[in-house]
Amino acid sequence: MKKVPSHAEHMTCEIIGKPCCVGVSGECVITTSDYCEFLRGYYHPEYNLCSQVPCLSVLCGMAGFANLDVPDQFYRLIVSQFIHTGLLDLGLTILLQVQCC
């Protein structure tokens, strides 16, 4: 680390803003860890710039992307047909399937 001259000690600073991934679209903002927690985002203390953070893959979660620039998780089209948001949704789905067949 570079030695700070004695006349410039009042000018030393520390970088506290780091990338934070928020929202369902993977928006990245530079903010503090406390504010990122308030936004219910995912804080990246090891990076300094948003361009270094793959927000979309962090938020999507299930499996990694083959190419970070292109969301290529096509299996989600099939998996989403078998995931239910609760017992009411599951019951209505079963009822609909029984009536139709």
PDB file of N, CA and C in Angstrom:
ATOM      1  N   MET A   1       0.838  -1.169   0.000  1.00  0.00           N
ATOM      2  CA  MET A   1       0.000   0.000   0.000  1.00  0.00           C
ATOM      3  C   MET A   1       0.887   1.238   0.000  1.00  0.00           C
ATOM      4  N   LYS A   2       0.476   2.237  -0.737  1.00  0.00           N
ATOM      5  CA  LYS A   2       1.251   3.460  -0.873  1.00  0.00           C
ATOM      6  C   LYS A   2       1.157   4.288   0.406  1.00  0.00           C
ATOM      7  N   LYS A   3       2.274   4.819   0.823  1.00  0.00           N
ATOM      8  CA  LYS A   3       2.339   5.654   2.024  1.00  0.00           C
ATOM      9  C   LYS A   3       1.690   7.003   1.731  1.00  0.00           C
ATOM     10  N   VAL A   4       0.750   7.398   2.588  1.00  0.00           N
ATOM     11  CA  VAL A   4       0.052   8.668   2.423  1.00  0.00           C
ATOM     12  C   VAL A   4       0.879   9.772   3.074  1.00  0.00           C
ATOM     13  N   PRO A   5       1.129  10.868   2.364  1.00  0.00           N
ATOM     14  CA  PRO A   5       1.874  11.970   2.965  1.00  0.00           C
ATOM     15  C   PRO A   5       1.132  12.509   4.191  1.00  0.00           C
ATOM     16  N   SER A   6       1.873  13.005   5.148  1.00  0.00           N
ATOM     17  CA  SER A   6       1.264  13.457   6.408  1.00  0.00           C
ATOM     18  C   SER A   6       0.282  14.607   6.197  1.00  0.00           C
ATOM     19  N   HIS A   7       0.474  15.458   5.186  1.00  0.00           N
ATOM     20  CA  HIS A   7      -0.436  16.572   4.957  1.00  0.00           C
ATOM     21  C   HIS A   7      -1.735  16.142   4.270  1.00  0.00           C
ATOM     22  N   ALA A   8      -1.824  14.865   3.814  1.00  0.00           N
ATOM     23  CA  ALA A   8      -3.028  14.398   3.121  1.00  0.00           C
ATOM     24  C   ALA A   8      -3.755  13.294   3.886  1.00  0.00           C
ATOM     25  N   GLU A   9      -3.496  13.158   5.182  1.00  0.00           N
ATOM     26  CA  GLU A   9      -4.137  12.092   5.957  1.00  0.00           C
ATOM     27  C   GLU A   9      -5.652  12.261   6.020  1.00  0.00           C
ATOM     28  N   HIS A  10      -6.134  13.475   5.986  1.00  0.00           N
ATOM     29  CA  HIS A  10      -7.571  13.715   6.049  1.00  0.00           C
ATOM     30  C   HIS A  10      -8.273  13.349   4.742  1.00  0.00           C
ATOM     31  N   MET A  11      -7.501  13.044   3.710  1.00  0.00           N
ATOM     32  CA  MET A  11      -8.080  12.749   2.407  1.00  0.00           C
ATOM     33  C   MET A  11      -8.121  11.250   2.097  1.00  0.00           C
ATOM     34  N   THR A  12      -7.777  10.402   3.051  1.00  0.00           N
ATOM     35  CA  THR A  12      -7.836   8.966   2.786  1.00  0.00           C
ATOM     36  C   THR A  12      -9.293   8.519   2.779  1.00  0.00           C
ATOM     37  N   CYS A  13      -9.596   7.553   1.954  1.00  0.00           N
ATOM     38  CA  CYS A  13     -10.975   7.068   1.868  1.00  0.00           C
ATOM     39  C   CYS A  13     -10.982   5.555   1.697  1.00  0.00           C
ATOM     40  N   GLU A  14     -12.140   5.006   1.920  1.00  0.00           N
ATOM     41  CA  GLU A  14     -12.341   3.576   1.781  1.00  0.00           C
ATOM     42  C   GLU A  14     -13.554   3.353   0.883  1.00  0.00           C
ATOM     43  N   ILE A  15     -13.451   2.425  -0.042  1.00  0.00           N
ATOM     44  CA  ILE A  15     -14.566   2.120  -0.932  1.00  0.00           C
ATOM     45  C   ILE A  15     -15.526   1.203  -0.192  1.00  0.00           C
ATOM     46  N   ILE A  16     -16.758   1.663   0.010  1.00  0.00           N
ATOM     47  CA  ILE A  16     -17.743   0.849   0.711  1.00  0.00           C
ATOM     48  C   ILE A  16     -18.875   0.404  -0.212  1.00  0.00           C
ATOM     49  N   GLY A  17     -18.978   0.989  -1.391  1.00  0.00           N
ATOM     50  CA  GLY A  17     -20.017   0.609  -2.341  1.00  0.00           C
ATOM     51  C   GLY A  17     -19.560  -0.559  -3.201  1.00  0.00           C
ATOM     52  N   LYS A  18     -20.335  -1.607  -3.219  1.00  0.00           N
ATOM     53  CA  LYS A  18     -20.038  -2.804  -4.011  1.00  0.00           C
ATOM     54  C   LYS A  18     -21.295  -3.181  -4.797  1.00  0.00           C
ATOM     55  N   PRO A  19     -21.174  -4.047  -5.792  1.00  0.00           N
ATOM     56  CA  PRO A  19     -22.337  -4.424  -6.593  1.00  0.00           C
ATOM     57  C   PRO A  19     -23.387  -5.188  -5.790  1.00  0.00           C
ATOM     58  N   CYS A  20     -24.642  -4.890  -6.097  1.00  0.00           N
ATOM     59  CA  CYS A  20     -25.769  -5.552  -5.457  1.00  0.00           C
ATOM     60  C   CYS A  20     -26.788  -5.899  -6.550  1.00  0.00           C
ATOM     61  N   CYS A  21     -27.150  -7.166  -6.662  1.00  0.00           N
ATOM     62  CA  CYS A  21     -28.133  -7.622  -7.649  1.00  0.00           C
ATOM     63  C   CYS A  21     -29.521  -7.578  -7.016  1.00  0.00           C
ATOM     64  N   VAL A  22     -30.428  -6.808  -7.614  1.00  0.00           N
ATOM     65  CA  VAL A  22     -31.779  -6.666  -7.069  1.00  0.00           C
ATOM     66  C   VAL A  22     -32.823  -6.874  -8.157  1.00  0.00           C
ATOM     67  N   GLY A  23     -34.009  -7.253  -7.742  1.00  0.00           N
ATOM     68  CA  GLY A  23     -35.129  -7.384  -8.664  1.00  0.00           C
ATOM     69  C   GLY A  23     -35.083  -8.655  -9.479  1.00  0.00           C
ATOM     70  N   VAL A  24     -36.204  -8.938 -10.126  1.00  0.00           N
ATOM     71  CA  VAL A  24     -36.298 -10.168 -10.923  1.00  0.00           C
ATOM     72  C   VAL A  24     -35.613 -10.053 -12.277  1.00  0.00           C
ATOM     73  N   SER A  25     -35.286  -8.833 -12.691  1.00  0.00           N
ATOM     74  CA  SER A  25     -34.620  -8.663 -13.981  1.00  0.00           C
ATOM     75  C   SER A  25     -33.100  -8.630 -13.837  1.00  0.00           C
ATOM     76  N   GLY A  26     -32.589  -8.762 -12.620  1.00  0.00           N
ATOM     77  CA  GLY A  26     -31.150  -8.812 -12.412  1.00  0.00           C
ATOM     78  C   GLY A  26     -30.465  -7.468 -12.507  1.00  0.00           C
ATOM     79  N   GLU A  27     -31.122  -6.418 -12.043  1.00  0.00           N
ATOM     80  CA  GLU A  27     -30.531  -5.080 -12.072  1.00  0.00           C
ATOM     81  C   GLU A  27     -29.383  -5.014 -11.073  1.00  0.00           C
ATOM     82  N   CYS A  28     -28.304  -4.378 -11.451  1.00  0.00           N
ATOM     83  CA  CYS A  28     -27.149  -4.239 -10.582  1.00  0.00           C
ATOM     84  C   CYS A  28     -26.988  -2.778 -10.174  1.00  0.00           C
ATOM     85  N   VAL A  29     -26.803  -2.544  -8.872  1.00  0.00           N
ATOM     86  CA  VAL A  29     -26.551  -1.201  -8.356  1.00  0.00           C
ATOM     87  C   VAL A  29     -25.336  -1.255  -7.440  1.00  0.00           C
ATOM     88  N   ILE A  30     -24.601  -0.165  -7.399  1.00  0.00           N
ATOM     89  CA  ILE A  30     -23.473  -0.055  -6.478  1.00  0.00           C
ATOM     90  C   ILE A  30     -24.001   0.565  -5.195  1.00  0.00           C
ATOM     91  N   THR A  31     -23.881  -0.172  -4.100  1.00  0.00           N
ATOM     92  CA  THR A  31     -24.418   0.293  -2.830  1.00  0.00           C
ATOM     93  C   THR A  31     -23.695  -0.377  -1.668  1.00  0.00           C
ATOM     94  N   THR A  32     -24.090  -0.028  -0.465  1.00  0.00           N
ATOM     95  CA  THR A  32     -23.495  -0.634   0.728  1.00  0.00           C
ATOM     96  C   THR A  32     -24.200  -1.953   1.026  1.00  0.00           C
ATOM     97  N   SER A  33     -23.598  -2.764   1.868  1.00  0.00           N
ATOM     98  CA  SER A  33     -24.195  -4.058   2.199  1.00  0.00           C
ATOM     99  C   SER A  33     -25.505  -3.880   2.951  1.00  0.00           C
ATOM    100  N   ASP A  34     -25.592  -2.861   3.814  1.00  0.00           N
ATOM    101  CA  ASP A  34     -26.827  -2.623   4.569  1.00  0.00           C
ATOM    102  C   ASP A  34     -27.979  -2.249   3.643  1.00  0.00           C
ATOM    103  N   TYR A  35     -27.722  -1.370   2.676  1.00  0.00           N
ATOM    104  CA  TYR A  35     -28.785  -0.955   1.765  1.00  0.00           C
ATOM    105  C   TYR A  35     -29.168  -2.100   0.826  1.00  0.00           C
ATOM    106  N   CYS A  36     -28.203  -2.913   0.451  1.00  0.00           N
ATOM    107  CA  CYS A  36     -28.484  -4.075  -0.392  1.00  0.00           C
ATOM    108  C   CYS A  36     -29.376  -5.060   0.362  1.00  0.00           C
ATOM    109  N   GLU A  37     -29.112  -5.235   1.635  1.00  0.00           N
ATOM    110  CA  GLU A  37     -29.956  -6.088   2.467  1.00  0.00           C
ATOM    111  C   GLU A  37     -31.361  -5.511   2.576  1.00  0.00           C
ATOM    112  N   PHE A  38     -31.465  -4.185   2.687  1.00  0.00           N
ATOM    113  CA  PHE A  38     -32.758  -3.517   2.729  1.00  0.00           C
ATOM    114  C   PHE A  38     -33.531  -3.751   1.425  1.00  0.00           C
ATOM    115  N   LEU A  39     -32.834  -3.735   0.297  1.00  0.00           N
ATOM    116  CA  LEU A  39     -33.455  -3.976  -1.003  1.00  0.00           C
ATOM    117  C   LEU A  39     -33.735  -5.455  -1.256  1.00  0.00           C
ATOM    118  N   ARG A  40     -33.294  -6.297  -0.346  1.00  0.00           N
ATOM    119  CA  ARG A  40     -33.392  -7.751  -0.466  1.00  0.00           C
ATOM    120  C   ARG A  40     -32.647  -8.247  -1.699  1.00  0.00           C
ATOM    121  N   GLY A  41     -31.477  -7.684  -1.888  1.00  0.00           N
ATOM    122  CA  GLY A  41     -30.638  -8.066  -3.019  1.00  0.00           C
ATOM    123  C   GLY A  41     -29.543  -9.023  -2.608  1.00  0.00           C
ATOM    124  N   TYR A  42     -28.689  -9.345  -3.556  1.00  0.00           N
ATOM    125  CA  TYR A  42     -27.553 -10.226  -3.324  1.00  0.00           C
ATOM    126  C   TYR A  42     -26.278  -9.394  -3.441  1.00  0.00           C
ATOM    127  N   TYR A  43     -25.577  -9.206  -2.328  1.00  0.00           N
ATOM    128  CA  TYR A  43     -24.400  -8.339  -2.231  1.00  0.00           C
ATOM    129  C   TYR A  43     -23.140  -9.112  -2.625  1.00  0.00           C
ATOM    130  N   HIS A  44     -22.259  -8.469  -3.410  1.00  0.00           N
ATOM    131  CA  HIS A  44     -21.005  -9.077  -3.869  1.00  0.00           C
ATOM    132  C   HIS A  44     -19.818  -8.288  -3.314  1.00  0.00           C
ATOM    133  N   PRO A  45     -19.345  -8.605  -2.116  1.00  0.00           N
ATOM    134  CA  PRO A  45     -18.245  -7.837  -1.524  1.00  0.00           C
ATOM    135  C   PRO A  45     -16.901  -8.036  -2.211  1.00  0.00           C
ATOM    136  N   GLU A  46     -16.774  -9.099  -3.004  1.00  0.00           N
ATOM    137  CA  GLU A  46     -15.487  -9.386  -3.644  1.00  0.00           C
ATOM    138  C   GLU A  46     -15.280  -8.648  -4.961  1.00  0.00           C
ATOM    139  N   TYR A  47     -16.329  -7.988  -5.473  1.00  0.00           N
ATOM    140  CA  TYR A  47     -16.232  -7.259  -6.738  1.00  0.00           C
ATOM    141  C   TYR A  47     -16.398  -5.760  -6.516  1.00  0.00           C
ATOM    142  N   ASN A  48     -15.950  -4.960  -7.491  1.00  0.00           N
ATOM    143  CA  ASN A  48     -16.066  -3.506  -7.402  1.00  0.00           C
ATOM    144  C   ASN A  48     -17.006  -2.912  -8.444  1.00  0.00           C
ATOM    145  N   LEU A  49     -17.200  -3.604  -9.567  1.00  0.00           N
ATOM    146  CA  LEU A  49     -18.009  -3.083 -10.662  1.00  0.00           C
ATOM    147  C   LEU A  49     -19.163  -4.027 -11.001  1.00  0.00           C
ATOM    148  N   CYS A  50     -20.247  -3.458 -11.491  1.00  0.00           N
ATOM    149  CA  CYS A  50     -21.389  -4.279 -11.911  1.00  0.00           C
ATOM    150  C   CYS A  50     -21.037  -5.174 -13.090  1.00  0.00           C
ATOM    151  N   SER A  51     -20.129  -4.738 -13.933  1.00  0.00           N
ATOM    152  CA  SER A  51     -19.752  -5.534 -15.094  1.00  0.00           C
ATOM    153  C   SER A  51     -19.025  -6.828 -14.695  1.00  0.00           C
ATOM    154  N   GLN A  52     -18.570  -6.931 -13.463  1.00  0.00           N
ATOM    155  CA  GLN A  52     -17.887  -8.122 -12.988  1.00  0.00           C
ATOM    156  C   GLN A  52     -18.848  -9.155 -12.398  1.00  0.00           C
ATOM    157  N   VAL A  53     -20.117  -8.789 -12.241  1.00  0.00           N
ATOM    158  CA  VAL A  53     -21.075  -9.623 -11.518  1.00  0.00           C
ATOM    159  C   VAL A  53     -22.106 -10.223 -12.473  1.00  0.00           C
ATOM    160  N   PRO A  54     -22.279 -11.543 -12.458  1.00  0.00           N
ATOM    161  CA  PRO A  54     -23.325 -12.178 -13.275  1.00  0.00           C
ATOM    162  C   PRO A  54     -24.656 -12.202 -12.518  1.00  0.00           C
ATOM    163  N   CYS A  55     -25.356 -11.077 -12.478  1.00  0.00           N
ATOM    164  CA  CYS A  55     -26.584 -10.955 -11.681  1.00  0.00           C
ATOM    165  C   CYS A  55     -27.672 -11.926 -12.120  1.00  0.00           C
ATOM    166  N   LEU A  56     -27.833 -12.137 -13.408  1.00  0.00           N
ATOM    167  CA  LEU A  56     -28.910 -12.992 -13.885  1.00  0.00           C
ATOM    168  C   LEU A  56     -28.737 -14.422 -13.396  1.00  0.00           C
ATOM    169  N   SER A  57     -27.519 -14.949 -13.426  1.00  0.00           N
ATOM    170  CA  SER A  57     -27.312 -16.321 -12.972  1.00  0.00           C
ATOM    171  C   SER A  57     -27.437 -16.431 -11.458  1.00  0.00           C
ATOM    172  N   VAL A  58     -27.128 -15.367 -10.721  1.00  0.00           N
ATOM    173  CA  VAL A  58     -27.283 -15.381  -9.266  1.00  0.00           C
ATOM    174  C   VAL A  58     -28.754 -15.418  -8.906  1.00  0.00           C
ATOM    175  N   LEU A  59     -29.580 -14.650  -9.611  1.00  0.00           N
ATOM    176  CA  LEU A  59     -30.995 -14.566  -9.292  1.00  0.00           C
ATOM    177  C   LEU A  59     -31.789 -15.768  -9.799  1.00  0.00           C
ATOM    178  N   CYS A  60     -31.405 -16.324 -10.936  1.00  0.00           N
ATOM    179  CA  CYS A  60     -32.168 -17.446 -11.497  1.00  0.00           C
ATOM    180  C   CYS A  60     -31.929 -18.733 -10.735  1.00  0.00           C
ATOM    181  N   GLY A  61     -30.736 -18.943 -10.312  1.00  0.00           N
ATOM    182  CA  GLY A  61     -30.472 -19.992  -9.355  1.00  0.00           C
ATOM    183  C   GLY A  61     -30.374 -21.429  -9.801  1.00  0.00           C
ATOM    184  N   MET A  62     -31.358 -22.041 -10.398  1.00  0.00           N
ATOM    185  CA  MET A  62     -31.452 -23.498 -10.497  1.00  0.00           C
ATOM    186  C   MET A  62     -30.157 -24.162 -10.970  1.00  0.00           C
ATOM    187  N   ALA A  63     -29.638 -23.769 -12.074  1.00  0.00           N
ATOM    188  CA  ALA A  63     -28.375 -24.308 -12.590  1.00  0.00           C
ATOM    189  C   ALA A  63     -27.667 -23.182 -13.327  1.00  0.00           C
ATOM    190  N   GLY A  64     -26.383 -23.307 -13.476  1.00  0.00           N
ATOM    191  CA  GLY A  64     -25.623 -22.260 -14.143  1.00  0.00           C
ATOM    192  C   GLY A  64     -25.937 -22.150 -15.626  1.00  0.00           C
ATOM    193  N   PHE A  65     -25.538 -21.047 -16.205  1.00  0.00           N
ATOM    194  CA  PHE A  65     -25.705 -20.832 -17.631  1.00  0.00           C
ATOM    195  C   PHE A  65     -24.451 -21.302 -18.350  1.00  0.00           C
ATOM    196  N   ALA A  66     -24.619 -21.851 -19.527  1.00  0.00           N
ATOM    197  CA  ALA A  66     -23.462 -22.226 -20.338  1.00  0.00           C
ATOM    198  C   ALA A  66     -22.743 -20.965 -20.805  1.00  0.00           C
ATOM    199  N   ASN A  67     -23.513 -19.932 -21.152  1.00  0.00           N
ATOM    200  CA  ASN A  67     -22.976 -18.651 -21.576  1.00  0.00           C
ATOM    201  C   ASN A  67     -23.679 -17.576 -20.747  1.00  0.00           C
ATOM    202  N   LEU A  68     -22.929 -16.797 -19.964  1.00  0.00           N
ATOM    203  CA  LEU A  68     -23.533 -15.819 -19.056  1.00  0.00           C
ATOM    204  C   LEU A  68     -24.278 -14.707 -19.775  1.00  0.00           C
ATOM    205  N   ASP A  69     -23.975 -14.488 -21.058  1.00  0.00           N
ATOM    206  CA  ASP A  69     -24.658 -13.440 -21.813  1.00  0.00           C
ATOM    207  C   ASP A  69     -26.012 -13.893 -22.356  1.00  0.00           C
ATOM    208  N   VAL A  70     -26.233 -15.198 -22.405  1.00  0.00           N
ATOM    209  CA  VAL A  70     -27.474 -15.737 -22.976  1.00  0.00           C
ATOM    210  C   VAL A  70     -28.117 -16.679 -21.958  1.00  0.00           C
ATOM    211  N   PRO A  71     -29.285 -16.325 -21.426  1.00  0.00           N
ATOM    212  CA  PRO A  71     -29.948 -17.242 -20.499  1.00  0.00           C
ATOM    213  C   PRO A  71     -30.456 -18.472 -21.258  1.00  0.00           C
ATOM    214  N   ASP A  72     -29.831 -19.624 -21.023  1.00  0.00           N
ATOM    215  CA  ASP A  72     -30.117 -20.814 -21.818  1.00  0.00           C
ATOM    216  C   ASP A  72     -30.670 -21.966 -20.977  1.00  0.00           C
ATOM    217  N   GLN A  73     -31.536 -21.671 -20.049  1.00  0.00           N
ATOM    218  CA  GLN A  73     -32.111 -22.711 -19.205  1.00  0.00           C
ATOM    219  C   GLN A  73     -33.486 -23.108 -19.751  1.00  0.00           C
ATOM    220  N   PHE A  74     -33.490 -23.766 -20.896  1.00  0.00           N
ATOM    221  CA  PHE A  74     -34.728 -24.137 -21.557  1.00  0.00           C
ATOM    222  C   PHE A  74     -35.520 -25.181 -20.776  1.00  0.00           C
ATOM    223  N   TYR A  75     -34.845 -25.935 -19.913  1.00  0.00           N
ATOM    224  CA  TYR A  75     -35.544 -26.945 -19.126  1.00  0.00           C
ATOM    225  C   TYR A  75     -36.593 -26.322 -18.208  1.00  0.00           C
ATOM    226  N   ARG A  76     -36.501 -25.025 -17.946  1.00  0.00           N
ATOM    227  CA  ARG A  76     -37.486 -24.355 -17.092  1.00  0.00           C
ATOM    228  C   ARG A  76     -38.883 -24.376 -17.717  1.00  0.00           C
ATOM    229  N   LEU A  77     -38.969 -24.450 -19.027  1.00  0.00           N
ATOM    230  CA  LEU A  77     -40.273 -24.546 -19.685  1.00  0.00           C
ATOM    231  C   LEU A  77     -40.993 -25.824 -19.281  1.00  0.00           C
ATOM    232  N   ILE A  78     -40.250 -26.899 -19.087  1.00  0.00           N
ATOM    233  CA  ILE A  78     -40.835 -28.179 -18.710  1.00  0.00           C
ATOM    234  C   ILE A  78     -41.023 -28.261 -17.201  1.00  0.00           C
ATOM    235  N   VAL A  79     -40.016 -27.861 -16.443  1.00  0.00           N
ATOM    236  CA  VAL A  79     -40.068 -27.946 -14.981  1.00  0.00           C
ATOM    237  C   VAL A  79     -41.211 -27.106 -14.416  1.00  0.00           C
ATOM    238  N   SER A  80     -41.483 -25.958 -15.005  1.00  0.00           N
ATOM    239  CA  SER A  80     -42.522 -25.071 -14.482  1.00  0.00           C
ATOM    240  C   SER A  80     -43.909 -25.714 -14.521  1.00  0.00           C
ATOM    241  N   GLN A  81     -44.111 -26.697 -15.378  1.00  0.00           N
ATOM    242  CA  GLN A  81     -45.409 -27.372 -15.455  1.00  0.00           C
ATOM    243  C   GLN A  81     -45.663 -28.273 -14.253  1.00  0.00           C
ATOM    244  N   PHE A  82     -44.611 -28.629 -13.517  1.00  0.00           N
ATOM    245  CA  PHE A  82     -44.738 -29.551 -12.394  1.00  0.00           C
ATOM    246  C   PHE A  82     -44.554 -28.882 -11.035  1.00  0.00           C
ATOM    247  N   ILE A  83     -44.323 -27.582 -11.020  1.00  0.00           N
ATOM    248  CA  ILE A  83     -44.144 -26.848  -9.766  1.00  0.00           C
ATOM    249  C   ILE A  83     -45.450 -26.146  -9.430  1.00  0.00           C
ATOM    250  N   HIS A  84     -45.886 -26.288  -8.194  1.00  0.00           N
ATOM    251  CA  HIS A  84     -47.133 -25.672  -7.758  1.00  0.00           C
ATOM    252  C   HIS A  84     -46.839 -24.675  -6.648  1.00  0.00           C
ATOM    253  N   THR A  85     -47.632 -23.613  -6.600  1.00  0.00           N
ATOM    254  CA  THR A  85     -47.396 -22.550  -5.621  1.00  0.00           C
ATOM    255  C   THR A  85     -48.020 -22.842  -4.270  1.00  0.00           C
ATOM    256  N   GLY A  86     -48.773 -23.885  -4.159  1.00  0.00           N
ATOM    257  CA  GLY A  86     -49.388 -24.233  -2.884  1.00  0.00           C
ATOM    258  C   GLY A  86     -50.397 -25.348  -3.062  1.00  0.00           C
ATOM    259  N   LEU A  87     -51.061 -25.722  -1.968  1.00  0.00           N
ATOM    260  CA  LEU A  87     -52.032 -26.804  -2.018  1.00  0.00           C
ATOM    261  C   LEU A  87     -53.254 -26.442  -2.849  1.00  0.00           C
ATOM    262  N   LEU A  88     -53.689 -25.193  -2.787  1.00  0.00           N
ATOM    263  CA  LEU A  88     -54.837 -24.768  -3.582  1.00  0.00           C
ATOM    264  C   LEU A  88     -54.534 -24.894  -5.074  1.00  0.00           C
ATOM    265  N   ASP A  89     -53.376 -24.446  -5.487  1.00  0.00           N
ATOM    266  CA  ASP A  89     -52.971 -24.548  -6.894  1.00  0.00           C
ATOM    267  C   ASP A  89     -52.874 -26.005  -7.317  1.00  0.00           C
ATOM    268  N   LEU A  90     -52.290 -26.837  -6.470  1.00  0.00           N
ATOM    269  CA  LEU A  90     -52.173 -28.265  -6.771  1.00  0.00           C
ATOM    270  C   LEU A  90     -53.553 -28.905  -6.887  1.00  0.00           C
ATOM    271  N   GLY A  91     -54.446 -28.565  -5.971  1.00  0.00           N
ATOM    272  CA  GLY A  91     -55.804 -29.115  -6.000  1.00  0.00           C
ATOM    273  C   GLY A  91     -56.562 -28.707  -7.249  1.00  0.00           C
ATOM    274  N   LEU A  92     -56.470 -27.444  -7.618  1.00  0.00           N
ATOM    275  CA  LEU A  92     -57.149 -26.968  -8.824  1.00  0.00           C
ATOM    276  C   LEU A  92     -56.583 -27.620 -10.085  1.00  0.00           C
ATOM    277  N   THR A  93     -55.299 -27.844 -10.114  1.00  0.00           N
ATOM    278  CA  THR A  93     -54.666 -28.502 -11.252  1.00  0.00           C
ATOM    279  C   THR A  93     -55.156 -29.939 -11.387  1.00  0.00           C
ATOM    280  N   ILE A  94     -55.201 -30.647 -10.261  1.00  0.00           N
ATOM    281  CA  ILE A  94     -55.674 -32.043 -10.288  1.00  0.00           C
ATOM    282  C   ILE A  94     -57.137 -32.097 -10.690  1.00  0.00           C
ATOM    283  N   LEU A  95     -57.953 -31.191 -10.136  1.00  0.00           N
ATOM    284  CA  LEU A  95     -59.370 -31.136 -10.475  1.00  0.00           C
ATOM    285  C   LEU A  95     -59.570 -30.884 -11.968  1.00  0.00           C
ATOM    286  N   LEU A  96     -58.817 -29.964 -12.528  1.00  0.00           N
ATOM    287  CA  LEU A  96     -58.907 -29.661 -13.954  1.00  0.00           C
ATOM    288  C   LEU A  96     -58.496 -30.857 -14.809  1.00  0.00           C
ATOM    289  N   GLN A  97     -57.458 -31.553 -14.384  1.00  0.00           N
ATOM    290  CA  GLN A  97     -57.000 -32.711 -15.146  1.00  0.00           C
ATOM    291  C   GLN A  97     -58.012 -33.855 -15.083  1.00  0.00           C
ATOM    292  N   VAL A  98     -58.653 -34.032 -13.943  1.00  0.00           N
ATOM    293  CA  VAL A  98     -59.656 -35.086 -13.788  1.00  0.00           C
ATOM    294  C   VAL A  98     -60.873 -34.776 -14.645  1.00  0.00           C
ATOM    295  N   GLN A  99     -61.291 -33.520 -14.674  1.00  0.00           N
ATOM    296  CA  GLN A  99     -62.477 -33.133 -15.453  1.00  0.00           C
ATOM    297  C   GLN A  99     -62.212 -33.246 -16.963  1.00  0.00           C
ATOM    298  N   CYS A 100     -61.042 -32.909 -17.375  1.00  0.00           N
ATOM    299  CA  CYS A 100     -60.745 -32.896 -18.813  1.00  0.00           C
ATOM    300  C   CYS A 100     -60.574 -34.294 -19.386  1.00  0.00           C
ATOM    301  N   CYS A 101     -60.143 -35.228 -18.603  1.00  0.00           N
ATOM    302  CA  CYS A 101     -59.830 -36.567 -19.144  1.00  0.00           C
ATOM    303  C   CYS A 101     -60.895 -37.572 -18.901  1.00  0.00           C
TER     304      CYS A 101
END
